Amino acid sequence: MAKDSDKTKDFEELQIIQQNLQNILMQKQAFQYELTETESALNEIKNSKDDVYKIVGQLMLRSPKDSIVEELSNREKLLKIRLESLQKQEDKLSNKLQELQEKLM
């Protein structure tokens, strides 16, 4: 009887890990998209010789190019750190998932 209870707990844990892994993958995809957009904007601004504008709420304001480049660079660094963190969580959960799957087989 205890073995059935252990298997049920393992199966429930497996489902929770799968859900967590799915959530992490969705977050990771969103951050990767945002990083791509940020890198693209950064490249455009660095290559631009014209005025640079920033959208603030419902307004578009002219902004110093250097401050926009700094802001986007900081955003890029933050996104990369978040992606690294999510990758570590994904790896950890994937390993745990694999262990549980092997245990249940």
PDB file of N, CA and C in Angstrom:
ATOM      1  N   MET A   1       0.811  -1.185   0.000  1.00  0.00           N
ATOM      2  CA  MET A   1       0.000   0.000   0.000  1.00  0.00           C
ATOM      3  C   MET A   1       0.864   1.263   0.000  1.00  0.00           C
ATOM      4  N   ALA A   2       1.956   1.253   0.733  1.00  0.00           N
ATOM      5  CA  ALA A   2       2.837   2.411   0.816  1.00  0.00           C
ATOM      6  C   ALA A   2       3.455   2.725  -0.548  1.00  0.00           C
ATOM      7  N   LYS A   3       3.725   1.673  -1.337  1.00  0.00           N
ATOM      8  CA  LYS A   3       4.311   1.884  -2.658  1.00  0.00           C
ATOM      9  C   LYS A   3       3.345   2.624  -3.575  1.00  0.00           C
ATOM     10  N   ASP A   4       2.065   2.295  -3.499  1.00  0.00           N
ATOM     11  CA  ASP A   4       1.060   2.985  -4.305  1.00  0.00           C
ATOM     12  C   ASP A   4       0.973   4.451  -3.905  1.00  0.00           C
ATOM     13  N   SER A   5       1.051   4.726  -2.623  1.00  0.00           N
ATOM     14  CA  SER A   5       0.994   6.086  -2.109  1.00  0.00           C
ATOM     15  C   SER A   5       2.216   6.885  -2.577  1.00  0.00           C
ATOM     16  N   ASP A   6       3.388   6.229  -2.541  1.00  0.00           N
ATOM     17  CA  ASP A   6       4.619   6.875  -3.000  1.00  0.00           C
ATOM     18  C   ASP A   6       4.536   7.183  -4.496  1.00  0.00           C
ATOM     19  N   LYS A   7       4.015   6.238  -5.268  1.00  0.00           N
ATOM     20  CA  LYS A   7       3.888   6.446  -6.714  1.00  0.00           C
ATOM     21  C   LYS A   7       2.913   7.579  -7.013  1.00  0.00           C
ATOM     22  N   THR A   8       1.830   7.652  -6.243  1.00  0.00           N
ATOM     23  CA  THR A   8       0.852   8.721  -6.430  1.00  0.00           C
ATOM     24  C   THR A   8       1.502  10.072  -6.144  1.00  0.00           C
ATOM     25  N   LYS A   9       2.275  10.156  -5.061  1.00  0.00           N
ATOM     26  CA  LYS A   9       2.982  11.401  -4.725  1.00  0.00           C
ATOM     27  C   LYS A   9       3.990  11.755  -5.809  1.00  0.00           C
ATOM     28  N   ASP A  10       4.720  10.759  -6.290  1.00  0.00           N
ATOM     29  CA  ASP A  10       5.694  10.988  -7.355  1.00  0.00           C
ATOM     30  C   ASP A  10       5.006  11.475  -8.627  1.00  0.00           C
ATOM     31  N   PHE A  11       3.871  10.879  -8.944  1.00  0.00           N
ATOM     32  CA  PHE A  11       3.133  11.274 -10.143  1.00  0.00           C
ATOM     33  C   PHE A  11       2.615  12.710 -10.007  1.00  0.00           C
ATOM     34  N   GLU A  12       2.114  13.060  -8.830  1.00  0.00           N
ATOM     35  CA  GLU A  12       1.649  14.431  -8.590  1.00  0.00           C
ATOM     36  C   GLU A  12       2.803  15.415  -8.691  1.00  0.00           C
ATOM     37  N   GLU A  13       3.942  15.040  -8.137  1.00  0.00           N
ATOM     38  CA  GLU A  13       5.135  15.890  -8.221  1.00  0.00           C
ATOM     39  C   GLU A  13       5.571  16.044  -9.673  1.00  0.00           C
ATOM     40  N   LEU A  14       5.480  14.969 -10.429  1.00  0.00           N
ATOM     41  CA  LEU A  14       5.820  14.999 -11.846  1.00  0.00           C
ATOM     42  C   LEU A  14       4.942  16.004 -12.592  1.00  0.00           C
ATOM     43  N   GLN A  15       3.651  15.990 -12.302  1.00  0.00           N
ATOM     44  CA  GLN A  15       2.728  16.916 -12.953  1.00  0.00           C
ATOM     45  C   GLN A  15       3.033  18.370 -12.577  1.00  0.00           C
ATOM     46  N   ILE A  16       3.352  18.587 -11.319  1.00  0.00           N
ATOM     47  CA  ILE A  16       3.687  19.943 -10.858  1.00  0.00           C
ATOM     48  C   ILE A  16       4.953  20.438 -11.543  1.00  0.00           C
ATOM     49  N   ILE A  17       5.940  19.565 -11.645  1.00  0.00           N
ATOM     50  CA  ILE A  17       7.193  19.940 -12.304  1.00  0.00           C
ATOM     51  C   ILE A  17       6.949  20.248 -13.777  1.00  0.00           C
ATOM     52  N   GLN A  18       6.115  19.450 -14.428  1.00  0.00           N
ATOM     53  CA  GLN A  18       5.794  19.708 -15.838  1.00  0.00           C
ATOM     54  C   GLN A  18       5.117  21.069 -16.002  1.00  0.00           C
ATOM     55  N   GLN A  19       4.201  21.390 -15.098  1.00  0.00           N
ATOM     56  CA  GLN A  19       3.527  22.692 -15.162  1.00  0.00           C
ATOM     57  C   GLN A  19       4.518  23.829 -14.929  1.00  0.00           C
ATOM     58  N   ASN A  20       5.387  23.668 -13.935  1.00  0.00           N
ATOM     59  CA  ASN A  20       6.400  24.688 -13.652  1.00  0.00           C
ATOM     60  C   ASN A  20       7.350  24.866 -14.838  1.00  0.00           C
ATOM     61  N   LEU A  21       7.713  23.758 -15.434  1.00  0.00           N
ATOM     62  CA  LEU A  21       8.604  23.801 -16.591  1.00  0.00           C
ATOM     63  C   LEU A  21       7.935  24.527 -17.756  1.00  0.00           C
ATOM     64  N   GLN A  22       6.665  24.257 -17.967  1.00  0.00           N
ATOM     65  CA  GLN A  22       5.914  24.934 -19.026  1.00  0.00           C
ATOM     66  C   GLN A  22       5.856  26.442 -18.763  1.00  0.00           C
ATOM     67  N   ASN A  23       5.621  26.828 -17.508  1.00  0.00           N
ATOM     68  CA  ASN A  23       5.592  28.251 -17.149  1.00  0.00           C
ATOM     69  C   ASN A  23       6.935  28.919 -17.403  1.00  0.00           C
ATOM     70  N   ILE A  24       7.997  28.234 -17.039  1.00  0.00           N
ATOM     71  CA  ILE A  24       9.340  28.774 -17.254  1.00  0.00           C
ATOM     72  C   ILE A  24       9.603  28.940 -18.747  1.00  0.00           C
ATOM     73  N   LEU A  25       9.212  27.964 -19.540  1.00  0.00           N
ATOM     74  CA  LEU A  25       9.431  28.053 -20.984  1.00  0.00           C
ATOM     75  C   LEU A  25       8.657  29.227 -21.594  1.00  0.00           C
ATOM     76  N   MET A  26       7.449  29.467 -21.094  1.00  0.00           N
ATOM     77  CA  MET A  26       6.665  30.602 -21.596  1.00  0.00           C
ATOM     78  C   MET A  26       7.317  31.932 -21.199  1.00  0.00           C
ATOM     79  N   GLN A  27       7.789  32.022 -19.965  1.00  0.00           N
ATOM     80  CA  GLN A  27       8.478  33.232 -19.515  1.00  0.00           C
ATOM     81  C   GLN A  27       9.748  33.455 -20.322  1.00  0.00           C
ATOM     82  N   LYS A  28      10.471  32.378 -20.528  1.00  0.00           N
ATOM     83  CA  LYS A  28      11.724  32.441 -21.278  1.00  0.00           C
ATOM     84  C   LYS A  28      11.479  32.931 -22.697  1.00  0.00           C
ATOM     85  N   GLN A  29      10.438  32.424 -23.326  1.00  0.00           N
ATOM     86  CA  GLN A  29      10.101  32.842 -24.682  1.00  0.00           C
ATOM     87  C   GLN A  29       9.766  34.332 -24.715  1.00  0.00           C
ATOM     88  N   ALA A  30       9.012  34.808 -23.736  1.00  0.00           N
ATOM     89  CA  ALA A  30       8.648  36.226 -23.677  1.00  0.00           C
ATOM     90  C   ALA A  30       9.892  37.096 -23.488  1.00  0.00           C
ATOM     91  N   PHE A  31      10.796  36.685 -22.602  1.00  0.00           N
ATOM     92  CA  PHE A  31      12.024  37.447 -22.380  1.00  0.00           C
ATOM     93  C   PHE A  31      12.924  37.413 -23.610  1.00  0.00           C
ATOM     94  N   GLN A  32      12.981  36.280 -24.306  1.00  0.00           N
ATOM     95  CA  GLN A  32      13.795  36.200 -25.519  1.00  0.00           C
ATOM     96  C   GLN A  32      13.267  37.142 -26.589  1.00  0.00           C
ATOM     97  N   TYR A  33      11.943  37.209 -26.710  1.00  0.00           N
ATOM     98  CA  TYR A  33      11.331  38.132 -27.670  1.00  0.00           C
ATOM     99  C   TYR A  33      11.674  39.577 -27.294  1.00  0.00           C
ATOM    100  N   GLU A  34      11.529  39.900 -26.015  1.00  0.00           N
ATOM    101  CA  GLU A  34      11.831  41.258 -25.546  1.00  0.00           C
ATOM    102  C   GLU A  34      13.310  41.591 -25.750  1.00  0.00           C
ATOM    103  N   LEU A  35      14.184  40.620 -25.519  1.00  0.00           N
ATOM    104  CA  LEU A  35      15.622  40.831 -25.725  1.00  0.00           C
ATOM    105  C   LEU A  35      15.915  41.102 -27.202  1.00  0.00           C
ATOM    106  N   THR A  36      15.298  40.344 -28.080  1.00  0.00           N
ATOM    107  CA  THR A  36      15.490  40.549 -29.520  1.00  0.00           C
ATOM    108  C   THR A  36      15.040  41.948 -29.929  1.00  0.00           C
ATOM    109  N   GLU A  37      13.887  42.363 -29.408  1.00  0.00           N
ATOM    110  CA  GLU A  37      13.365  43.705 -29.705  1.00  0.00           C
ATOM    111  C   GLU A  37      14.301  44.781 -29.158  1.00  0.00           C
ATOM    112  N   THR A  38      14.810  44.584 -27.966  1.00  0.00           N
ATOM    113  CA  THR A  38      15.713  45.549 -27.341  1.00  0.00           C
ATOM    114  C   THR A  38      17.014  45.652 -28.124  1.00  0.00           C
ATOM    115  N   GLU A  39      17.569  44.504 -28.517  1.00  0.00           N
ATOM    116  CA  GLU A  39      18.815  44.508 -29.297  1.00  0.00           C
ATOM    117  C   GLU A  39      18.608  45.185 -30.646  1.00  0.00           C
ATOM    118  N   SER A  40      17.476  44.936 -31.260  1.00  0.00           N
ATOM    119  CA  SER A  40      17.163  45.562 -32.543  1.00  0.00           C
ATOM    120  C   SER A  40      17.053  47.078 -32.390  1.00  0.00           C
ATOM    121  N   ALA A  41      16.354  47.531 -31.369  1.00  0.00           N
ATOM    122  CA  ALA A  41      16.207  48.962 -31.122  1.00  0.00           C
ATOM    123  C   ALA A  41      17.569  49.602 -30.835  1.00  0.00           C
ATOM    124  N   LEU A  42      18.370  48.908 -30.066  1.00  0.00           N
ATOM    125  CA  LEU A  42      19.705  49.411 -29.730  1.00  0.00           C
ATOM    126  C   LEU A  42      20.559  49.572 -30.979  1.00  0.00           C
ATOM    127  N   ASN A  43      20.529  48.587 -31.864  1.00  0.00           N
ATOM    128  CA  ASN A  43      21.286  48.676 -33.117  1.00  0.00           C
ATOM    129  C   ASN A  43      20.798  49.828 -33.989  1.00  0.00           C
ATOM    130  N   GLU A  44      19.488  49.992 -34.066  1.00  0.00           N
ATOM    131  CA  GLU A  44      18.927  51.085 -34.872  1.00  0.00           C
ATOM    132  C   GLU A  44      19.359  52.441 -34.326  1.00  0.00           C
ATOM    133  N   ILE A  45      19.313  52.589 -33.018  1.00  0.00           N
ATOM    134  CA  ILE A  45      19.680  53.863 -32.406  1.00  0.00           C
ATOM    135  C   ILE A  45      21.164  54.144 -32.577  1.00  0.00           C
ATOM    136  N   LYS A  46      22.000  53.122 -32.407  1.00  0.00           N
ATOM    137  CA  LYS A  46      23.441  53.317 -32.564  1.00  0.00           C
ATOM    138  C   LYS A  46      23.792  53.728 -33.988  1.00  0.00           C
ATOM    139  N   ASN A  47      23.044  53.231 -34.970  1.00  0.00           N
ATOM    140  CA  ASN A  47      23.314  53.555 -36.374  1.00  0.00           C
ATOM    141  C   ASN A  47      22.593  54.815 -36.839  1.00  0.00           C
ATOM    142  N   SER A  48      21.749  55.381 -36.000  1.00  0.00           N
ATOM    143  CA  SER A  48      20.953  56.550 -36.366  1.00  0.00           C
ATOM    144  C   SER A  48      21.759  57.831 -36.192  1.00  0.00           C
ATOM    145  N   LYS A  49      21.591  58.715 -37.166  1.00  0.00           N
ATOM    146  CA  LYS A  49      22.225  60.027 -37.067  1.00  0.00           C
ATOM    147  C   LYS A  49      21.171  61.087 -36.759  1.00  0.00           C
ATOM    148  N   ASP A  50      19.912  60.691 -36.808  1.00  0.00           N
ATOM    149  CA  ASP A  50      18.811  61.611 -36.583  1.00  0.00           C
ATOM    150  C   ASP A  50      18.476  61.697 -35.097  1.00  0.00           C
ATOM    151  N   ASP A  51      17.482  62.545 -34.803  1.00  0.00           N
ATOM    152  CA  ASP A  51      16.977  62.652 -33.441  1.00  0.00           C
ATOM    153  C   ASP A  51      16.382  61.316 -33.006  1.00  0.00           C
ATOM    154  N   VAL A  52      16.420  61.076 -31.709  1.00  0.00           N
ATOM    155  CA  VAL A  52      15.874  59.847 -31.147  1.00  0.00           C
ATOM    156  C   VAL A  52      14.678  60.232 -30.288  1.00  0.00           C
ATOM    157  N   TYR A  53      13.620  59.457 -30.424  1.00  0.00           N
ATOM    158  CA  TYR A  53      12.395  59.716 -29.668  1.00  0.00           C
ATOM    159  C   TYR A  53      12.069  58.511 -28.799  1.00  0.00           C
ATOM    160  N   LYS A  54      11.420  58.819 -27.693  1.00  0.00           N
ATOM    161  CA  LYS A  54      11.039  57.783 -26.739  1.00  0.00           C
ATOM    162  C   LYS A  54       9.556  57.959 -26.437  1.00  0.00           C
ATOM    163  N   ILE A  55       8.838  56.842 -26.393  1.00  0.00           N
ATOM    164  CA  ILE A  55       7.418  56.903 -26.065  1.00  0.00           C
ATOM    165  C   ILE A  55       7.266  56.794 -24.547  1.00  0.00           C
ATOM    166  N   VAL A  56       6.609  57.804 -23.986  1.00  0.00           N
ATOM    167  CA  VAL A  56       6.335  57.837 -22.553  1.00  0.00           C
ATOM    168  C   VAL A  56       4.831  58.002 -22.397  1.00  0.00           C
ATOM    169  N   GLY A  57       4.182  56.929 -21.984  1.00  0.00           N
ATOM    170  CA  GLY A  57       2.720  56.973 -21.895  1.00  0.00           C
ATOM    171  C   GLY A  57       2.144  57.150 -23.286  1.00  0.00           C
ATOM    172  N   GLN A  58       1.422  58.247 -23.474  1.00  0.00           N
ATOM    173  CA  GLN A  58       0.826  58.529 -24.780  1.00  0.00           C
ATOM    174  C   GLN A  58       1.593  59.608 -25.534  1.00  0.00           C
ATOM    175  N   LEU A  59       2.763  59.978 -25.030  1.00  0.00           N
ATOM    176  CA  LEU A  59       3.570  61.020 -25.654  1.00  0.00           C
ATOM    177  C   LEU A  59       4.831  60.451 -26.274  1.00  0.00           C
ATOM    178  N   MET A  60       5.273  61.090 -27.340  1.00  0.00           N
ATOM    179  CA  MET A  60       6.557  60.748 -27.929  1.00  0.00           C
ATOM    180  C   MET A  60       7.466  61.951 -27.707  1.00  0.00           C
ATOM    181  N   LEU A  61       8.539  61.738 -26.962  1.00  0.00           N
ATOM    182  CA  LEU A  61       9.437  62.820 -26.597  1.00  0.00           C
ATOM    183  C   LEU A  61      10.821  62.618 -27.198  1.00  0.00           C
ATOM    184  N   ARG A  62      11.402  63.706 -27.640  1.00  0.00           N
ATOM    185  CA  ARG A  62      12.783  63.625 -28.124  1.00  0.00           C
ATOM    186  C   ARG A  62      13.675  63.414 -26.901  1.00  0.00           C
ATOM    187  N   SER A  63      14.618  62.496 -27.024  1.00  0.00           N
ATOM    188  CA  SER A  63      15.499  62.171 -25.904  1.00  0.00           C
ATOM    189  C   SER A  63      16.939  62.154 -26.383  1.00  0.00           C
ATOM    190  N   PRO A  64      17.860  62.442 -25.475  1.00  0.00           N
ATOM    191  CA  PRO A  64      19.274  62.356 -25.847  1.00  0.00           C
ATOM    192  C   PRO A  64      19.631  60.914 -26.243  1.00  0.00           C
ATOM    193  N   LYS A  65      20.323  60.793 -27.342  1.00  0.00           N
ATOM    194  CA  LYS A  65      20.691  59.472 -27.866  1.00  0.00           C
ATOM    195  C   LYS A  65      21.460  58.660 -26.832  1.00  0.00           C
ATOM    196  N   ASP A  66      22.402  59.299 -26.138  1.00  0.00           N
ATOM    197  CA  ASP A  66      23.223  58.586 -25.154  1.00  0.00           C
ATOM    198  C   ASP A  66      22.388  57.992 -24.025  1.00  0.00           C
ATOM    199  N   SER A  67      21.374  58.738 -23.564  1.00  0.00           N
ATOM    200  CA  SER A  67      20.569  58.226 -22.458  1.00  0.00           C
ATOM    201  C   SER A  67      19.702  57.050 -22.913  1.00  0.00           C
ATOM    202  N   ILE A  68      19.220  57.100 -24.155  1.00  0.00           N
ATOM    203  CA  ILE A  68      18.421  55.980 -24.676  1.00  0.00           C
ATOM    204  C   ILE A  68      19.308  54.751 -24.851  1.00  0.00           C
ATOM    205  N   VAL A  69      20.509  54.944 -25.374  1.00  0.00           N
ATOM    206  CA  VAL A  69      21.447  53.824 -25.549  1.00  0.00           C
ATOM    207  C   VAL A  69      21.772  53.206 -24.189  1.00  0.00           C
ATOM    208  N   GLU A  70      22.009  54.045 -23.189  1.00  0.00           N
ATOM    209  CA  GLU A  70      22.312  53.536 -21.847  1.00  0.00           C
ATOM    210  C   GLU A  70      21.117  52.774 -21.273  1.00  0.00           C
ATOM    211  N   GLU A  71      19.931  53.329 -21.435  1.00  0.00           N
ATOM    212  CA  GLU A  71      18.715  52.686 -20.930  1.00  0.00           C
ATOM    213  C   GLU A  71      18.486  51.327 -21.592  1.00  0.00           C
ATOM    214  N   LEU A  72      18.636  51.282 -22.910  1.00  0.00           N
ATOM    215  CA  LEU A  72      18.442  50.022 -23.626  1.00  0.00           C
ATOM    216  C   LEU A  72      19.533  49.004 -23.295  1.00  0.00           C
ATOM    217  N   SER A  73      20.751  49.479 -23.115  1.00  0.00           N
ATOM    218  CA  SER A  73      21.859  48.580 -22.739  1.00  0.00           C
ATOM    219  C   SER A  73      21.605  47.958 -21.373  1.00  0.00           C
ATOM    220  N   ASN A  74      21.133  48.786 -20.440  1.00  0.00           N
ATOM    221  CA  ASN A  74      20.802  48.264 -19.113  1.00  0.00           C
ATOM    222  C   ASN A  74      19.660  47.257 -19.192  1.00  0.00           C
ATOM    223  N   ARG A  75      18.663  47.564 -20.020  1.00  0.00           N
ATOM    224  CA  ARG A  75      17.531  46.653 -20.214  1.00  0.00           C
ATOM    225  C   ARG A  75      18.018  45.321 -20.801  1.00  0.00           C
ATOM    226  N   GLU A  76      18.931  45.412 -21.756  1.00  0.00           N
ATOM    227  CA  GLU A  76      19.496  44.215 -22.389  1.00  0.00           C
ATOM    228  C   GLU A  76      20.224  43.345 -21.357  1.00  0.00           C
ATOM    229  N   LYS A  77      21.025  43.979 -20.507  1.00  0.00           N
ATOM    230  CA  LYS A  77      21.751  43.241 -19.467  1.00  0.00           C
ATOM    231  C   LYS A  77      20.779  42.550 -18.510  1.00  0.00           C
ATOM    232  N   LEU A  78      19.748  43.279 -18.097  1.00  0.00           N
ATOM    233  CA  LEU A  78      18.757  42.721 -17.186  1.00  0.00           C
ATOM    234  C   LEU A  78      18.040  41.523 -17.809  1.00  0.00           C
ATOM    235  N   LEU A  79      17.669  41.652 -19.067  1.00  0.00           N
ATOM    236  CA  LEU A  79      16.989  40.545 -19.752  1.00  0.00           C
ATOM    237  C   LEU A  79      17.897  39.320 -19.866  1.00  0.00           C
ATOM    238  N   LYS A  80      19.160  39.545 -20.138  1.00  0.00           N
ATOM    239  CA  LYS A  80      20.106  38.423 -20.233  1.00  0.00           C
ATOM    240  C   LYS A  80      20.260  37.722 -18.887  1.00  0.00           C
ATOM    241  N   ILE A  81      20.291  38.494 -17.809  1.00  0.00           N
ATOM    242  CA  ILE A  81      20.383  37.905 -16.469  1.00  0.00           C
ATOM    243  C   ILE A  81      19.137  37.088 -16.162  1.00  0.00           C
ATOM    244  N   ARG A  82      17.974  37.637 -16.493  1.00  0.00           N
ATOM    245  CA  ARG A  82      16.719  36.905 -16.267  1.00  0.00           C
ATOM    246  C   ARG A  82      16.685  35.619 -17.084  1.00  0.00           C
ATOM    247  N   LEU A  83      17.152  35.684 -18.325  1.00  0.00           N
ATOM    248  CA  LEU A  83      17.169  34.488 -19.168  1.00  0.00           C
ATOM    249  C   LEU A  83      18.115  33.431 -18.609  1.00  0.00           C
ATOM    250  N   GLU A  84      19.267  33.869 -18.102  1.00  0.00           N
ATOM    251  CA  GLU A  84      20.203  32.922 -17.479  1.00  0.00           C
ATOM    252  C   GLU A  84      19.556  32.239 -16.272  1.00  0.00           C
ATOM    253  N   SER A  85      18.879  33.026 -15.464  1.00  0.00           N
ATOM    254  CA  SER A  85      18.205  32.485 -14.286  1.00  0.00           C
ATOM    255  C   SER A  85      17.128  31.475 -14.690  1.00  0.00           C
ATOM    256  N   LEU A  86      16.335  31.828 -15.695  1.00  0.00           N
ATOM    257  CA  LEU A  86      15.302  30.910 -16.169  1.00  0.00           C
ATOM    258  C   LEU A  86      15.901  29.639 -16.757  1.00  0.00           C
ATOM    259  N   GLN A  87      17.037  29.774 -17.427  1.00  0.00           N
ATOM    260  CA  GLN A  87      17.705  28.608 -18.002  1.00  0.00           C
ATOM    261  C   GLN A  87      18.170  27.663 -16.898  1.00  0.00           C
ATOM    262  N   LYS A  88      18.703  28.240 -15.821  1.00  0.00           N
ATOM    263  CA  LYS A  88      19.139  27.411 -14.686  1.00  0.00           C
ATOM    264  C   LYS A  88      17.949  26.689 -14.057  1.00  0.00           C
ATOM    265  N   GLN A  89      16.824  27.424 -13.904  1.00  0.00           N
ATOM    266  CA  GLN A  89      15.622  26.802 -13.347  1.00  0.00           C
ATOM    267  C   GLN A  89      15.119  25.697 -14.278  1.00  0.00           C
ATOM    268  N   GLU A  90      15.152  25.967 -15.572  1.00  0.00           N
ATOM    269  CA  GLU A  90      14.708  24.971 -16.552  1.00  0.00           C
ATOM    270  C   GLU A  90      15.572  23.720 -16.475  1.00  0.00           C
ATOM    271  N   ASP A  91      16.883  23.895 -16.414  1.00  0.00           N
ATOM    272  CA  ASP A  91      17.794  22.752 -16.332  1.00  0.00           C
ATOM    273  C   ASP A  91      17.533  21.925 -15.074  1.00  0.00           C
ATOM    274  N   LYS A  92      17.368  22.634 -13.963  1.00  0.00           N
ATOM    275  CA  LYS A  92      17.125  21.961 -12.682  1.00  0.00           C
ATOM    276  C   LYS A  92      15.821  21.154 -12.730  1.00  0.00           C
ATOM    277  N   LEU A  93      14.758  21.786 -13.238  1.00  0.00           N
ATOM    278  CA  LEU A  93      13.471  21.092 -13.322  1.00  0.00           C
ATOM    279  C   LEU A  93      13.510  19.951 -14.332  1.00  0.00           C
ATOM    280  N   SER A  94      14.207  20.139 -15.430  1.00  0.00           N
ATOM    281  CA  SER A  94      14.320  19.073 -16.433  1.00  0.00           C
ATOM    282  C   SER A  94      15.010  17.852 -15.851  1.00  0.00           C
ATOM    283  N   ASN A  95      16.065  18.085 -15.089  1.00  0.00           N
ATOM    284  CA  ASN A  95      16.772  16.976 -14.444  1.00  0.00           C
ATOM    285  C   ASN A  95      15.870  16.259 -13.437  1.00  0.00           C
ATOM    286  N   LYS A  96      15.144  17.035 -12.640  1.00  0.00           N
ATOM    287  CA  LYS A  96      14.229  16.450 -11.655  1.00  0.00           C
ATOM    288  C   LYS A  96      13.113  15.675 -12.356  1.00  0.00           C
ATOM    289  N   LEU A  97      12.620  16.220 -13.449  1.00  0.00           N
ATOM    290  CA  LEU A  97      11.575  15.561 -14.236  1.00  0.00           C
ATOM    291  C   LEU A  97      12.073  14.232 -14.781  1.00  0.00           C
ATOM    292  N   GLN A  98      13.277  14.238 -15.302  1.00  0.00           N
ATOM    293  CA  GLN A  98      13.858  13.012 -15.856  1.00  0.00           C
ATOM    294  C   GLN A  98      14.045  11.957 -14.759  1.00  0.00           C
ATOM    295  N   GLU A  99      14.508  12.390 -13.591  1.00  0.00           N
ATOM    296  CA  GLU A  99      14.681  11.454 -12.477  1.00  0.00           C
ATOM    297  C   GLU A  99      13.347  10.815 -12.074  1.00  0.00           C
ATOM    298  N   LEU A 100      12.315  11.658 -11.973  1.00  0.00           N
ATOM    299  CA  LEU A 100      11.005  11.132 -11.585  1.00  0.00           C
ATOM    300  C   LEU A 100      10.430  10.194 -12.642  1.00  0.00           C
ATOM    301  N   GLN A 101      10.628  10.547 -13.898  1.00  0.00           N
ATOM    302  CA  GLN A 101      10.124   9.680 -14.980  1.00  0.00           C
ATOM    303  C   GLN A 101      10.808   8.327 -14.923  1.00  0.00           C
ATOM    304  N   GLU A 102      12.107   8.325 -14.688  1.00  0.00           N
ATOM    305  CA  GLU A 102      12.837   7.057 -14.596  1.00  0.00           C
ATOM    306  C   GLU A 102      12.377   6.263 -13.371  1.00  0.00           C
ATOM    307  N   LYS A 103      12.116   6.964 -12.287  1.00  0.00           N
ATOM    308  CA  LYS A 103      11.665   6.308 -11.053  1.00  0.00           C
ATOM    309  C   LYS A 103      10.295   5.669 -11.246  1.00  0.00           C
ATOM    310  N   LEU A 104       9.420   6.341 -11.979  1.00  0.00           N
ATOM    311  CA  LEU A 104       8.070   5.828 -12.196  1.00  0.00           C
ATOM    312  C   LEU A 104       8.018   4.699 -13.219  1.00  0.00           C
ATOM    313  N   MET A 105       9.028   4.563 -14.020  1.00  0.00           N
ATOM    314  CA  MET A 105       9.014   3.512 -15.042  1.00  0.00           C
ATOM    315  C   MET A 105       9.384   2.216 -14.441  1.00  0.00           C
TER     316      MET A 105
END
